[in-house]
Amino acid sequence: MSFEQHFAKAKDDPIAREEIEEESRRLDAAVALMRAREEAGLSQEQLASLSHISRSTINRIEKARISPSIRTLDALAQAMGKRASVIIS
């Protein structure tokens, strides 16, 4: 079975589908945070100092190990002079 076939079959399972969607949300947050931080020219340590969010939390978000809260995303965005926004689709 190819990856595509396995993935399509997994999406039919409600539990697997929810896990896939959660992983997708974590990856979206990871990529957005890493890009914004790099564009701001900040290290994780510098962002941690400015945002009062621990470097380990920033690292876990960027590695898609955790899903950040809106409050955490807002604090990180503000520390970079940006605005956090949420899209519901």
Protein backbone atom coordinates (compact mmCIF):
# COMPACT_ATOMS: atom_id res chain seq x y z
CA MET A 1 0.00 0.00 0.00
CA SER A 2 1.41 3.40 -0.96
CA PHE A 3 1.60 6.30 1.47
CA GLU A 4 -1.17 8.10 -0.42
CA GLN A 5 -3.45 5.06 -0.17
CA HIS A 6 -2.68 4.63 3.53
CA PHE A 7 -3.27 8.35 4.16
CA ALA A 8 -6.60 8.29 2.28
CA LYS A 9 -7.71 5.24 4.26
CA ALA A 10 -6.64 6.84 7.56
CA LYS A 11 -8.71 9.94 6.79
CA ASP A 12 -11.82 7.70 6.73
CA ASP A 13 -11.23 6.79 10.39
CA PRO A 14 -12.65 9.58 12.63
CA ILE A 15 -9.95 9.14 15.29
CA ALA A 16 -7.12 9.10 12.76
CA ARG A 17 -8.65 12.08 10.95
CA GLU A 18 -8.67 14.11 14.20
CA GLU A 19 -5.04 13.18 14.88
CA ILE A 20 -4.07 14.22 11.35
CA GLU A 21 -5.90 17.54 11.73
CA GLU A 22 -4.25 18.21 15.12
CA GLU A 23 -0.81 17.47 13.68
CA SER A 24 -1.57 19.80 10.78
CA ARG A 25 -2.48 22.62 13.20
CA ARG A 26 0.74 22.07 15.16
CA LEU A 27 2.79 22.14 11.96
CA ASP A 28 1.06 25.31 10.75
CA ALA A 29 1.88 27.05 14.06
CA ALA A 30 5.45 25.75 13.97
CA VAL A 31 6.13 27.06 10.47
CA ALA A 32 4.44 30.41 11.12
CA LEU A 33 6.36 31.02 14.34
CA MET A 34 9.71 29.97 12.91
CA ARG A 35 9.28 32.16 9.82
CA ALA A 36 8.19 35.19 11.85
CA ARG A 37 11.04 34.75 14.34
CA GLU A 38 13.64 34.40 11.58
CA GLU A 39 12.20 37.41 9.71
CA ALA A 40 12.51 39.40 12.94
CA GLY A 41 16.16 38.32 13.18
CA LEU A 42 15.66 36.80 16.62
CA SER A 43 17.02 33.67 18.21
CA GLN A 44 14.72 31.53 20.32
CA GLU A 45 16.53 32.86 23.40
CA GLN A 46 15.97 36.49 22.36
CA LEU A 47 12.30 35.86 21.61
CA ALA A 48 11.92 34.14 24.98
CA SER A 49 13.37 37.16 26.74
CA LEU A 50 11.12 39.61 24.88
CA SER A 51 7.93 37.57 25.18
CA HIS A 52 8.39 36.10 28.67
CA ILE A 53 7.66 32.68 27.13
CA SER A 54 10.33 30.09 27.93
CA ARG A 55 12.81 29.14 25.24
CA SER A 56 11.86 25.49 25.75
CA THR A 57 8.20 26.30 25.02
CA ILE A 58 9.19 28.19 21.87
CA ASN A 59 11.35 25.24 20.83
CA ARG A 60 8.51 22.76 21.41
CA ILE A 61 6.13 24.94 19.36
CA GLU A 62 8.65 25.21 16.50
CA LYS A 63 9.18 21.44 16.55
CA ALA A 64 5.38 20.92 16.47
CA ARG A 65 5.45 19.05 19.76
CA ILE A 66 2.76 21.25 21.33
CA SER A 67 -0.13 23.39 20.15
CA PRO A 68 0.26 26.93 21.46
CA SER A 69 -2.65 28.77 23.01
CA ILE A 70 -3.95 31.97 21.46
CA ARG A 71 -2.53 33.82 24.47
CA THR A 72 0.94 32.36 23.85
CA LEU A 73 0.81 33.15 20.13
CA ASP A 74 -0.28 36.69 20.92
CA ALA A 75 2.60 37.21 23.37
CA LEU A 76 5.10 35.87 20.84
CA ALA A 77 3.67 38.01 18.03
CA GLN A 78 3.71 41.16 20.15
CA ALA A 79 7.33 40.51 21.14
CA MET A 80 8.19 40.52 17.42
CA GLY A 81 6.17 43.66 16.72
CA LYS A 82 3.50 41.65 14.92
CA ARG A 83 -0.13 40.71 15.43
CA ALA A 84 -1.46 37.20 15.86
CA SER A 85 -4.58 36.41 13.89
CA VAL A 86 -6.84 33.40 13.69
CA ILE A 87 -8.54 32.15 10.56
CA ILE A 88 -11.58 29.95 10.90
CA SER A 89 -12.26 28.02 7.73
